[in-house]
N, C-alpha and C. Protein backbone atom coordinates (compact mmCIF):
# COMPACT_ATOMS: atom_id res chain seq x y z
N MET A 1 47.49 -46.81 -47.82
CA MET A 1 47.86 -48.18 -47.51
C MET A 1 48.28 -48.85 -48.81
N GLU A 2 49.48 -49.39 -48.82
CA GLU A 2 49.99 -50.01 -50.04
C GLU A 2 50.69 -51.33 -49.71
N ILE A 3 50.39 -52.33 -50.52
CA ILE A 3 51.09 -53.61 -50.47
C ILE A 3 51.58 -53.84 -51.89
N ASP A 4 52.88 -54.07 -52.07
CA ASP A 4 53.45 -54.17 -53.41
C ASP A 4 52.92 -55.36 -54.20
N ALA A 5 52.69 -56.49 -53.56
CA ALA A 5 52.21 -57.67 -54.29
C ALA A 5 51.22 -58.44 -53.41
N VAL A 6 50.13 -58.86 -54.03
CA VAL A 6 49.14 -59.69 -53.34
C VAL A 6 48.77 -60.83 -54.28
N GLY A 7 48.99 -62.06 -53.82
CA GLY A 7 48.60 -63.24 -54.59
C GLY A 7 47.26 -63.74 -54.07
N LEU A 8 46.29 -63.91 -54.96
CA LEU A 8 44.95 -64.32 -54.56
C LEU A 8 44.67 -65.76 -54.98
N SER A 9 43.81 -66.42 -54.21
CA SER A 9 43.42 -67.78 -54.52
C SER A 9 41.92 -67.95 -54.30
N GLY A 10 41.31 -68.68 -55.20
CA GLY A 10 39.91 -69.02 -55.05
C GLY A 10 38.97 -67.85 -55.13
N ARG A 11 37.75 -68.13 -54.74
CA ARG A 11 36.73 -67.08 -54.70
C ARG A 11 36.26 -66.98 -53.27
N PRO A 12 36.24 -65.86 -52.67
CA PRO A 12 36.22 -64.51 -53.24
C PRO A 12 37.59 -63.87 -53.42
N GLY A 13 38.63 -64.61 -53.58
CA GLY A 13 39.96 -64.03 -53.76
C GLY A 13 40.66 -63.82 -52.42
N THR A 14 40.99 -64.91 -51.78
CA THR A 14 41.68 -64.84 -50.49
C THR A 14 43.16 -64.57 -50.74
N ALA A 15 43.71 -63.60 -50.01
CA ALA A 15 45.13 -63.27 -50.14
C ALA A 15 45.95 -64.40 -49.52
N VAL A 16 46.78 -65.05 -50.33
CA VAL A 16 47.62 -66.15 -49.85
C VAL A 16 49.10 -65.78 -49.87
N LEU A 17 49.44 -64.69 -50.59
CA LEU A 17 50.81 -64.20 -50.65
C LEU A 17 50.78 -62.69 -50.54
N LEU A 18 51.64 -62.15 -49.68
CA LEU A 18 51.78 -60.70 -49.52
C LEU A 18 53.24 -60.37 -49.71
N GLY A 19 53.53 -59.37 -50.54
CA GLY A 19 54.91 -59.04 -50.83
C GLY A 19 55.23 -57.57 -50.73
N GLU A 20 56.45 -57.29 -50.33
CA GLU A 20 56.94 -55.92 -50.22
C GLU A 20 58.35 -55.86 -50.76
N ALA A 21 58.64 -54.84 -51.57
CA ALA A 21 59.97 -54.68 -52.17
C ALA A 21 60.53 -53.30 -51.83
N LYS A 22 61.81 -53.28 -51.50
CA LYS A 22 62.53 -52.03 -51.21
C LYS A 22 63.77 -51.99 -52.08
N TRP A 23 64.06 -50.87 -52.69
CA TRP A 23 65.25 -50.74 -53.53
C TRP A 23 66.40 -50.17 -52.71
N ARG A 24 66.64 -50.80 -51.57
CA ARG A 24 67.79 -50.47 -50.73
C ARG A 24 68.73 -51.66 -50.77
N LYS A 25 70.02 -51.39 -50.52
CA LYS A 25 71.00 -52.48 -50.57
C LYS A 25 70.75 -53.51 -49.48
N LYS A 26 70.35 -53.05 -48.29
CA LYS A 26 70.15 -53.95 -47.15
C LYS A 26 68.81 -53.62 -46.49
N VAL A 27 68.04 -54.66 -46.18
CA VAL A 27 66.70 -54.47 -45.60
C VAL A 27 66.52 -55.43 -44.44
N ASP A 28 65.85 -54.97 -43.38
CA ASP A 28 65.47 -55.81 -42.25
C ASP A 28 64.16 -56.50 -42.61
N ALA A 29 64.24 -57.76 -42.96
CA ALA A 29 63.07 -58.51 -43.43
C ALA A 29 61.99 -58.62 -42.36
N SER A 30 62.37 -58.74 -41.10
CA SER A 30 61.36 -58.87 -40.04
C SER A 30 60.50 -57.61 -39.96
N ALA A 31 61.08 -56.44 -40.20
CA ALA A 31 60.30 -55.20 -40.19
C ALA A 31 59.32 -55.18 -41.35
N LEU A 32 59.75 -55.67 -42.52
CA LEU A 32 58.84 -55.71 -43.67
C LEU A 32 57.68 -56.67 -43.43
N VAL A 33 57.97 -57.82 -42.84
CA VAL A 33 56.91 -58.78 -42.55
C VAL A 33 55.93 -58.18 -41.55
N TRP A 34 56.43 -57.49 -40.54
CA TRP A 34 55.55 -56.84 -39.56
C TRP A 34 54.63 -55.84 -40.26
N GLU A 35 55.21 -55.01 -41.16
CA GLU A 35 54.41 -54.04 -41.91
C GLU A 35 53.34 -54.74 -42.75
N LEU A 36 53.72 -55.84 -43.40
CA LEU A 36 52.75 -56.57 -44.22
C LEU A 36 51.61 -57.13 -43.37
N ARG A 37 51.93 -57.65 -42.20
CA ARG A 37 50.88 -58.17 -41.30
C ARG A 37 49.91 -57.06 -40.92
N GLU A 38 50.45 -55.89 -40.61
CA GLU A 38 49.59 -54.76 -40.23
C GLU A 38 48.74 -54.31 -41.42
N ARG A 39 49.34 -54.17 -42.57
CA ARG A 39 48.63 -53.70 -43.76
C ARG A 39 47.59 -54.71 -44.23
N SER A 40 47.85 -56.00 -44.00
CA SER A 40 46.91 -57.03 -44.46
C SER A 40 45.57 -56.95 -43.73
N LYS A 41 45.54 -56.27 -42.60
CA LYS A 41 44.28 -56.12 -41.85
C LYS A 41 43.25 -55.33 -42.65
N ALA A 42 43.70 -54.56 -43.64
CA ALA A 42 42.79 -53.77 -44.46
C ALA A 42 42.19 -54.59 -45.61
N LEU A 43 42.72 -55.78 -45.85
CA LEU A 43 42.22 -56.62 -46.94
C LEU A 43 40.96 -57.37 -46.50
N PRO A 44 40.05 -57.62 -47.43
CA PRO A 44 38.80 -58.29 -47.07
C PRO A 44 38.96 -59.75 -46.67
N SER A 45 39.95 -60.46 -47.25
CA SER A 45 40.09 -61.88 -46.95
C SER A 45 41.56 -62.27 -47.06
N VAL A 46 42.12 -62.77 -45.94
CA VAL A 46 43.52 -63.18 -45.89
C VAL A 46 43.59 -64.60 -45.35
N ALA A 47 44.41 -65.43 -45.96
CA ALA A 47 44.60 -66.81 -45.50
C ALA A 47 45.11 -66.80 -44.06
N GLU A 48 44.87 -67.90 -43.36
CA GLU A 48 45.31 -68.01 -41.98
C GLU A 48 46.82 -67.87 -41.85
N SER A 49 47.56 -68.45 -42.77
CA SER A 49 49.03 -68.36 -42.77
C SER A 49 49.53 -67.98 -44.17
N PRO A 50 49.42 -66.70 -44.54
CA PRO A 50 49.88 -66.32 -45.87
C PRO A 50 51.40 -66.40 -45.99
N VAL A 51 51.89 -66.49 -47.20
CA VAL A 51 53.33 -66.44 -47.48
C VAL A 51 53.71 -64.96 -47.57
N TYR A 52 54.82 -64.61 -46.94
CA TYR A 52 55.34 -63.24 -47.01
C TYR A 52 56.59 -63.24 -47.88
N ALA A 53 56.57 -62.50 -48.98
CA ALA A 53 57.73 -62.37 -49.87
C ALA A 53 58.32 -60.98 -49.66
N VAL A 54 59.59 -60.93 -49.28
CA VAL A 54 60.25 -59.65 -49.01
C VAL A 54 61.45 -59.51 -49.93
N CYS A 55 61.60 -58.33 -50.54
CA CYS A 55 62.60 -58.13 -51.56
C CYS A 55 63.49 -56.93 -51.24
N ALA A 56 64.76 -57.07 -51.58
CA ALA A 56 65.73 -55.98 -51.44
C ALA A 56 66.71 -56.06 -52.60
N ARG A 57 67.46 -54.98 -52.79
CA ARG A 57 68.40 -54.96 -53.91
C ARG A 57 69.52 -55.97 -53.74
N GLU A 58 70.14 -56.03 -52.51
CA GLU A 58 71.30 -56.92 -52.33
C GLU A 58 71.18 -57.91 -51.18
N ARG A 59 70.63 -57.49 -50.04
CA ARG A 59 70.67 -58.36 -48.86
C ARG A 59 69.46 -58.14 -47.95
N LEU A 60 68.97 -59.26 -47.38
CA LEU A 60 67.90 -59.21 -46.39
C LEU A 60 68.40 -59.81 -45.09
N ASP A 61 68.29 -59.06 -44.01
CA ASP A 61 68.69 -59.54 -42.68
C ASP A 61 67.44 -59.87 -41.88
N ASN A 62 67.62 -60.72 -40.85
CA ASN A 62 66.53 -61.06 -39.91
C ASN A 62 65.30 -61.59 -40.62
N VAL A 63 65.50 -62.55 -41.51
CA VAL A 63 64.37 -63.12 -42.25
C VAL A 63 63.61 -64.08 -41.32
N PRO A 64 62.33 -63.78 -41.04
CA PRO A 64 61.56 -64.67 -40.18
C PRO A 64 61.31 -66.02 -40.84
N ASN A 65 61.11 -67.05 -40.03
CA ASN A 65 60.75 -68.37 -40.55
C ASN A 65 59.50 -68.26 -41.40
N GLY A 66 59.53 -68.89 -42.53
CA GLY A 66 58.36 -68.89 -43.41
C GLY A 66 58.33 -67.75 -44.41
N ALA A 67 59.15 -66.72 -44.22
CA ALA A 67 59.19 -65.61 -45.17
C ALA A 67 60.11 -66.00 -46.33
N VAL A 68 59.82 -65.48 -47.52
CA VAL A 68 60.62 -65.78 -48.70
C VAL A 68 61.45 -64.54 -49.05
N PRO A 69 62.78 -64.61 -48.87
CA PRO A 69 63.62 -63.48 -49.23
C PRO A 69 64.01 -63.53 -50.72
N ILE A 70 63.97 -62.38 -51.38
CA ILE A 70 64.29 -62.31 -52.80
C ILE A 70 65.16 -61.07 -53.01
N THR A 71 66.25 -61.24 -53.76
CA THR A 71 67.10 -60.09 -54.09
C THR A 71 66.99 -59.77 -55.57
N ALA A 72 67.47 -58.58 -55.92
CA ALA A 72 67.45 -58.17 -57.33
C ALA A 72 68.25 -59.13 -58.19
N ALA A 73 69.36 -59.64 -57.67
CA ALA A 73 70.18 -60.59 -58.42
C ALA A 73 69.37 -61.83 -58.79
N GLU A 74 68.51 -62.27 -57.89
CA GLU A 74 67.69 -63.45 -58.17
C GLU A 74 66.61 -63.14 -59.21
N VAL A 75 66.12 -61.93 -59.21
CA VAL A 75 65.08 -61.55 -60.16
C VAL A 75 65.66 -61.27 -61.54
N PHE A 76 66.76 -60.50 -61.56
CA PHE A 76 67.31 -60.03 -62.82
C PHE A 76 68.50 -60.85 -63.31
N GLY A 77 68.95 -61.82 -62.52
CA GLY A 77 70.08 -62.63 -62.91
C GLY A 77 71.39 -61.87 -62.95
N VAL A 78 71.51 -60.88 -62.06
CA VAL A 78 72.71 -60.03 -62.02
C VAL A 78 73.82 -60.74 -61.29
């Protein structure tokens, strides 16, 4: 079970941000968010409404409301 990024807040460290990155040109963001929701069940403490950050090299399709899409260009300034 792997989650690429987990942002914690407070004690005992509640997960408030969950992130997944794929080095593909195009990614279905809704599928990544679904995977993150499933994987988050293994964490000891998750916020009621965590932020989902999904990353791809060039483009994210089907971004659910509330998810944060990030591309390599935004990270690296390409």
